[in-house]
Every structure is written in C-alpha cells, then in structure tokens.
C-alpha cells in the first residue's frame, strides 16, 4: 500500500491526500512530526531523493529561522539529528509506493504519472 508522509496541517499534503482519495488509491498517511522516522528511513529517503540537499525544503520558514551553523551539517549523523529535531524541514509530501520507490512533492500531473492515471 502507498504511504504518504507529511504534516497533517500542510496544505500540499491535504491536496495530495484528496487527490489519492479522488482517484481511489488506497494509502496510509503518516504525520512525521507525530511519528518520527528512524535514521534508516531518513537515509533511504536521502538516497532516493539524491542527497540531503534535495530532501529538505530550504524555502521553509523553519529553514530560514535556523542559525547559520545548523544549515551546514557536515555528516549523515548531523543531518539525521537536524531532521529528528525539525521533521518539518523534509520537503513534503514524501510518497513511498508498494515497491519501495519514493517521490517527493505534489502536483496533479506528477501524481497522474506516478500512479499511472490518464
């Protein structure tokens, strides 16, 4: 089953959830602020996204408010600690399909392509 990770109050996540419901695609929603993801999951997402920089949303208010020293993690351990502390930095929603593949973000056309909807 498809798993959608995001924040319950995120407008983009709500749009993605509504889209999945509209097209009858079964899914589970996980608010990763309430259910923090283990380090292994964050590492898998990092690999699928193409690196930590691609995984996070640098235009977010949370990112802009971080002190400069926190914006340049030098290791996987530092990135995992940052995302454990601020899970809302992850660009959302994160979609994990049945086959384990992952994508980020939401757009109508992007989801149509991802789920094979004409």
N, C-alpha and C. Protein backbone atom coordinates (compact mmCIF):
# COMPACT_ATOMS: atom_id res chain seq x y z
N UNK A 1 0.84 -1.19 0.00
CA UNK A 1 0.00 0.00 0.00
C UNK A 1 0.88 1.24 0.00
N UNK A 2 0.44 2.26 -0.68
CA UNK A 2 1.15 3.53 -0.75
C UNK A 2 1.10 4.21 0.61
N UNK A 3 2.24 4.77 1.01
CA UNK A 3 2.31 5.54 2.25
C UNK A 3 2.67 6.97 1.91
N UNK A 4 1.89 7.89 2.43
CA UNK A 4 2.12 9.32 2.23
C UNK A 4 2.60 9.88 3.56
N UNK A 5 3.80 10.44 3.57
CA UNK A 5 4.37 11.04 4.77
C UNK A 5 4.32 12.54 4.62
N UNK A 6 3.95 13.21 5.70
CA UNK A 6 3.90 14.67 5.66
C UNK A 6 3.44 15.20 6.99
N UNK A 7 2.82 16.37 6.95
CA UNK A 7 2.29 17.01 8.14
C UNK A 7 0.78 17.15 7.98
N UNK A 8 0.07 16.85 9.04
CA UNK A 8 -1.39 16.84 9.00
C UNK A 8 -1.97 18.19 8.58
N UNK A 9 -1.33 19.27 9.00
CA UNK A 9 -1.87 20.61 8.71
C UNK A 9 -1.25 21.25 7.47
N UNK A 10 -0.48 20.50 6.70
CA UNK A 10 0.17 21.02 5.49
C UNK A 10 -0.83 21.03 4.33
N UNK A 11 -1.00 22.19 3.70
CA UNK A 11 -1.95 22.31 2.58
C UNK A 11 -1.59 21.39 1.42
N UNK A 12 -0.31 21.29 1.10
CA UNK A 12 0.13 20.43 0.00
C UNK A 12 -0.17 18.97 0.31
N UNK A 13 0.05 18.57 1.56
CA UNK A 13 -0.26 17.19 1.96
C UNK A 13 -1.76 16.93 1.88
N UNK A 14 -2.56 17.92 2.25
CA UNK A 14 -4.02 17.77 2.15
C UNK A 14 -4.44 17.60 0.69
N UNK A 15 -3.84 18.39 -0.20
CA UNK A 15 -4.15 18.27 -1.63
C UNK A 15 -3.78 16.88 -2.14
N UNK A 16 -2.62 16.39 -1.72
CA UNK A 16 -2.18 15.06 -2.16
C UNK A 16 -3.12 13.97 -1.63
N UNK A 17 -3.54 14.08 -0.39
CA UNK A 17 -4.46 13.10 0.19
C UNK A 17 -5.81 13.13 -0.52
N UNK A 18 -6.29 14.33 -0.81
CA UNK A 18 -7.56 14.46 -1.53
C UNK A 18 -7.45 13.87 -2.94
N UNK A 19 -6.32 14.09 -3.60
CA UNK A 19 -6.11 13.55 -4.94
C UNK A 19 -6.15 12.02 -4.90
N UNK A 20 -5.44 11.43 -3.94
CA UNK A 20 -5.42 9.97 -3.82
C UNK A 20 -6.82 9.43 -3.56
N UNK A 21 -7.58 10.10 -2.70
CA UNK A 21 -8.95 9.66 -2.41
C UNK A 21 -9.82 9.79 -3.66
N UNK A 22 -9.68 10.89 -4.38
CA UNK A 22 -10.49 11.13 -5.57
C UNK A 22 -10.28 10.04 -6.63
N UNK A 23 -9.04 9.55 -6.75
CA UNK A 23 -8.74 8.53 -7.74
C UNK A 23 -8.78 7.11 -7.15
N UNK A 24 -9.26 6.99 -5.92
CA UNK A 24 -9.45 5.68 -5.31
C UNK A 24 -8.17 4.92 -5.05
N UNK A 25 -7.10 5.63 -4.77
CA UNK A 25 -5.82 4.98 -4.49
C UNK A 25 -5.68 4.81 -2.98
N UNK A 26 -5.66 3.54 -2.56
CA UNK A 26 -5.53 3.25 -1.13
C UNK A 26 -4.17 3.73 -0.64
N UNK A 27 -4.19 4.34 0.51
CA UNK A 27 -2.95 4.84 1.08
C UNK A 27 -3.08 5.00 2.59
N UNK A 28 -1.94 5.10 3.21
CA UNK A 28 -1.85 5.37 4.64
C UNK A 28 -1.14 6.71 4.76
N UNK A 29 -1.62 7.56 5.67
CA UNK A 29 -0.97 8.83 5.90
C UNK A 29 -0.23 8.78 7.23
N UNK A 30 1.02 9.22 7.22
CA UNK A 30 1.83 9.26 8.44
C UNK A 30 2.31 10.69 8.63
N UNK A 31 1.93 11.29 9.76
CA UNK A 31 2.42 12.62 10.11
C UNK A 31 3.79 12.42 10.74
N UNK A 32 4.84 12.83 10.04
CA UNK A 32 6.16 12.54 10.57
C UNK A 32 6.62 13.48 11.67
N UNK A 33 5.77 14.39 12.05
CA UNK A 33 6.06 15.15 13.26
C UNK A 33 5.62 14.33 14.47
N UNK A 34 4.49 13.63 14.33
CA UNK A 34 3.99 12.78 15.42
C UNK A 34 4.69 11.43 15.48
N UNK A 35 5.03 10.89 14.30
CA UNK A 35 5.70 9.60 14.22
C UNK A 35 7.06 9.81 13.56
N UNK A 36 8.03 10.17 14.38
CA UNK A 36 9.37 10.46 13.86
C UNK A 36 9.92 9.21 13.16
N UNK A 37 10.54 9.43 12.01
CA UNK A 37 11.06 8.32 11.23
C UNK A 37 12.45 7.92 11.70
N UNK A 38 12.71 6.61 11.70
CA UNK A 38 14.02 6.15 12.17
C UNK A 38 15.13 6.58 11.22
N UNK A 39 16.37 6.61 11.72
CA UNK A 39 17.50 7.03 10.89
C UNK A 39 17.62 6.25 9.58
N UNK A 40 17.31 4.97 9.61
CA UNK A 40 17.41 4.15 8.40
C UNK A 40 16.46 4.67 7.32
N UNK A 41 15.27 5.07 7.72
CA UNK A 41 14.29 5.61 6.77
C UNK A 41 14.79 6.92 6.18
N UNK A 42 15.33 7.79 7.03
CA UNK A 42 15.86 9.07 6.55
C UNK A 42 17.00 8.84 5.56
N UNK A 43 17.85 7.86 5.83
CA UNK A 43 18.95 7.55 4.91
C UNK A 43 18.42 7.02 3.57
N UNK A 44 17.38 6.20 3.63
CA UNK A 44 16.78 5.68 2.39
C UNK A 44 16.16 6.82 1.58
N UNK A 45 15.47 7.73 2.26
CA UNK A 45 14.88 8.88 1.58
C UNK A 45 15.97 9.76 0.96
N UNK A 46 17.04 9.95 1.71
CA UNK A 46 18.17 10.75 1.20
C UNK A 46 18.69 10.13 -0.09
N UNK A 47 18.88 8.83 -0.09
CA UNK A 47 19.41 8.14 -1.28
C UNK A 47 18.43 8.28 -2.45
N UNK A 48 17.15 8.10 -2.19
CA UNK A 48 16.14 8.18 -3.25
C UNK A 48 16.00 9.60 -3.79
N UNK A 49 16.16 10.59 -2.93
CA UNK A 49 16.00 11.99 -3.33
C UNK A 49 17.23 12.53 -4.05
N UNK A 50 18.36 11.87 -3.84
CA UNK A 50 19.60 12.36 -4.46
C UNK A 50 20.45 13.19 -3.52
N UNK A 51 20.28 12.98 -2.23
CA UNK A 51 21.10 13.69 -1.24
C UNK A 51 20.25 14.49 -0.26
N UNK A 52 20.90 14.89 0.82
CA UNK A 52 20.20 15.63 1.87
C UNK A 52 19.64 16.94 1.33
N UNK A 53 20.43 17.64 0.52
CA UNK A 53 20.01 18.94 0.00
C UNK A 53 18.69 18.83 -0.78
N UNK A 54 18.53 17.74 -1.52
CA UNK A 54 17.31 17.55 -2.31
C UNK A 54 16.13 17.14 -1.43
N UNK A 55 16.41 16.57 -0.28
CA UNK A 55 15.36 16.07 0.61
C UNK A 55 14.67 17.19 1.40
N UNK A 56 15.40 18.27 1.63
CA UNK A 56 14.85 19.31 2.50
C UNK A 56 14.30 20.50 1.72
N UNK A 57 13.44 21.25 2.38
CA UNK A 57 12.81 22.43 1.80
C UNK A 57 13.51 23.67 2.35
N UNK A 58 14.41 24.23 1.56
CA UNK A 58 15.17 25.39 2.02
C UNK A 58 14.39 26.69 1.94
N UNK A 59 13.19 26.65 1.36
CA UNK A 59 12.38 27.87 1.33
C UNK A 59 11.42 27.94 2.52
N UNK A 60 11.48 26.93 3.38
CA UNK A 60 10.57 26.91 4.53
C UNK A 60 10.96 27.94 5.58
N UNK A 61 9.97 28.36 6.34
CA UNK A 61 10.21 29.29 7.44
C UNK A 61 11.16 28.66 8.45
N UNK A 62 10.97 27.38 8.72
CA UNK A 62 11.82 26.69 9.69
C UNK A 62 13.29 26.77 9.27
N UNK A 63 13.56 26.50 7.99
CA UNK A 63 14.95 26.54 7.50
C UNK A 63 15.51 27.96 7.62
N UNK A 64 14.73 28.95 7.22
CA UNK A 64 15.21 30.34 7.26
C UNK A 64 15.51 30.79 8.68
N UNK A 65 14.80 30.22 9.67
CA UNK A 65 14.99 30.63 11.05
C UNK A 65 16.11 29.88 11.76
N UNK A 66 16.66 28.87 11.12
CA UNK A 66 17.77 28.14 11.73
C UNK A 66 19.01 29.01 11.81
N UNK A 67 19.80 28.85 12.88
CA UNK A 67 21.07 29.58 12.91
C UNK A 67 21.99 29.07 11.79
N UNK A 68 22.83 29.92 11.24
CA UNK A 68 23.70 29.53 10.13
C UNK A 68 24.51 28.26 10.41
N UNK A 69 24.90 28.04 11.63
CA UNK A 69 25.69 26.86 11.96
C UNK A 69 24.91 25.56 11.76
N UNK A 70 23.59 25.62 11.88
CA UNK A 70 22.76 24.42 11.71
C UNK A 70 22.44 24.15 10.24
N UNK A 71 22.67 25.13 9.37
CA UNK A 71 22.32 24.99 7.95
C UNK A 71 23.40 24.30 7.13
N UNK A 72 24.46 23.88 7.78
CA UNK A 72 25.55 23.24 7.04
C UNK A 72 26.01 21.97 7.75
N UNK A 73 25.08 21.01 7.92
CA UNK A 73 25.50 19.75 8.57
C UNK A 73 26.62 19.10 7.75
N UNK A 74 27.62 18.60 8.44
CA UNK A 74 28.79 18.05 7.75
C UNK A 74 28.80 16.54 7.61
N UNK A 75 27.77 15.88 8.16
CA UNK A 75 27.78 14.42 8.10
C UNK A 75 26.34 13.90 8.12
N UNK A 76 26.20 12.62 7.76
CA UNK A 76 24.87 12.00 7.85
C UNK A 76 24.32 12.10 9.26
N UNK A 77 25.18 11.90 10.25
CA UNK A 77 24.72 11.95 11.64
C UNK A 77 24.14 13.33 11.98
N UNK A 78 24.80 14.39 11.52
CA UNK A 78 24.30 15.74 11.80
C UNK A 78 22.99 16.00 11.07
N UNK A 79 22.87 15.52 9.82
CA UNK A 79 21.61 15.68 9.09
C UNK A 79 20.49 14.95 9.79
N UNK A 80 20.74 13.70 10.21
CA UNK A 80 19.70 12.90 10.88
C UNK A 80 19.26 13.58 12.16
N UNK A 81 20.20 14.15 12.90
CA UNK A 81 19.87 14.85 14.13
C UNK A 81 19.01 16.09 13.83
N UNK A 82 19.38 16.83 12.78
CA UNK A 82 18.61 18.02 12.40
C UNK A 82 17.18 17.64 12.02
N UNK A 83 17.02 16.57 11.23
CA UNK A 83 15.67 16.17 10.79
C UNK A 83 14.88 15.51 11.90
N UNK A 84 15.56 14.93 12.87
CA UNK A 84 14.85 14.39 14.03
C UNK A 84 14.28 15.55 14.85
N UNK A 85 15.07 16.61 14.95
CA UNK A 85 14.64 17.79 15.71
C UNK A 85 13.60 18.61 14.94
N UNK A 86 13.77 18.70 13.62
CA UNK A 86 12.88 19.52 12.79
C UNK A 86 12.37 18.69 11.59
N UNK A 87 11.47 17.74 11.82
CA UNK A 87 11.00 16.92 10.70
C UNK A 87 10.27 17.74 9.63
N UNK A 88 9.77 18.91 10.00
CA UNK A 88 9.05 19.74 9.04
C UNK A 88 9.99 20.30 7.96
N UNK A 89 11.29 20.10 8.09
CA UNK A 89 12.23 20.52 7.05
C UNK A 89 12.17 19.63 5.81
N UNK A 90 11.63 18.42 5.96
CA UNK A 90 11.57 17.50 4.84
C UNK A 90 10.53 18.01 3.84
N UNK A 91 10.96 18.10 2.58
CA UNK A 91 10.05 18.55 1.51
C UNK A 91 8.91 17.54 1.40
N UNK A 92 7.70 18.05 1.41
CA UNK A 92 6.55 17.15 1.51
C UNK A 92 5.57 17.33 0.38
N UNK A 93 4.74 16.33 0.22
CA UNK A 93 4.75 15.04 0.93
C UNK A 93 5.81 14.10 0.35
N UNK A 94 6.19 13.13 1.18
CA UNK A 94 7.03 12.03 0.74
C UNK A 94 6.08 10.88 0.44
N UNK A 95 6.19 10.32 -0.76
CA UNK A 95 5.32 9.22 -1.17
C UNK A 95 6.18 7.98 -1.34
N UNK A 96 5.84 6.92 -0.60
CA UNK A 96 6.54 5.65 -0.75
C UNK A 96 5.55 4.64 -1.32
N UNK A 97 5.88 4.13 -2.51
CA UNK A 97 5.00 3.19 -3.20
C UNK A 97 5.22 1.76 -2.71
N UNK A 98 4.33 0.87 -3.15
CA UNK A 98 4.39 -0.54 -2.76
C UNK A 98 5.76 -1.16 -3.02
N UNK A 99 6.40 -0.76 -4.12
CA UNK A 99 7.68 -1.35 -4.49
C UNK A 99 8.86 -0.73 -3.74
N UNK A 100 8.58 0.21 -2.84
CA UNK A 100 9.62 0.84 -2.05
C UNK A 100 10.19 2.11 -2.67
N UNK A 101 9.78 2.41 -3.91
CA UNK A 101 10.28 3.63 -4.54
C UNK A 101 9.67 4.85 -3.86
N UNK A 102 10.37 5.97 -3.95
CA UNK A 102 9.97 7.17 -3.23
C UNK A 102 9.96 8.37 -4.15
N UNK A 103 9.00 9.26 -3.93
CA UNK A 103 8.99 10.55 -4.62
C UNK A 103 8.59 11.61 -3.62
N UNK A 104 8.84 12.85 -3.98
CA UNK A 104 8.51 13.97 -3.10
C UNK A 104 7.70 15.01 -3.85
N UNK A 105 6.91 15.74 -3.08
CA UNK A 105 6.14 16.83 -3.65
C UNK A 105 4.83 16.36 -4.23
N UNK A 106 4.00 17.34 -4.59
CA UNK A 106 2.71 17.02 -5.17
C UNK A 106 2.40 17.97 -6.31
N UNK A 107 1.95 17.39 -7.40
CA UNK A 107 1.30 18.14 -8.48
C UNK A 107 0.33 17.16 -9.13
N UNK A 108 -0.73 17.67 -9.71
CA UNK A 108 -1.72 16.82 -10.35
C UNK A 108 -1.07 15.96 -11.42
N UNK A 109 -0.32 16.59 -12.32
CA UNK A 109 0.32 15.84 -13.40
C UNK A 109 1.38 14.87 -12.88
N UNK A 110 2.12 15.29 -11.86
CA UNK A 110 3.13 14.41 -11.28
C UNK A 110 2.52 13.16 -10.68
N UNK A 111 1.40 13.32 -9.97
CA UNK A 111 0.73 12.16 -9.38
C UNK A 111 0.09 11.29 -10.45
N UNK A 112 -0.46 11.90 -11.51
CA UNK A 112 -1.03 11.10 -12.60
C UNK A 112 0.04 10.20 -13.20
N UNK A 113 1.22 10.76 -13.41
CA UNK A 113 2.32 9.97 -13.96
C UNK A 113 2.77 8.90 -12.97
N UNK A 114 2.93 9.29 -11.70
CA UNK A 114 3.40 8.36 -10.67
C UNK A 114 2.47 7.17 -10.50
N UNK A 115 1.16 7.44 -10.55
CA UNK A 115 0.18 6.37 -10.29
C UNK A 115 -0.45 5.82 -11.57
N UNK A 116 0.01 6.27 -12.72
CA UNK A 116 -0.50 5.75 -13.98
C UNK A 116 -1.96 6.08 -14.24
N UNK A 117 -2.36 7.27 -13.85
CA UNK A 117 -3.74 7.72 -14.04
C UNK A 117 -3.79 8.56 -15.32
N UNK A 118 -4.68 8.24 -16.25
CA UNK A 118 -4.76 9.01 -17.52
C UNK A 118 -5.31 10.41 -17.31
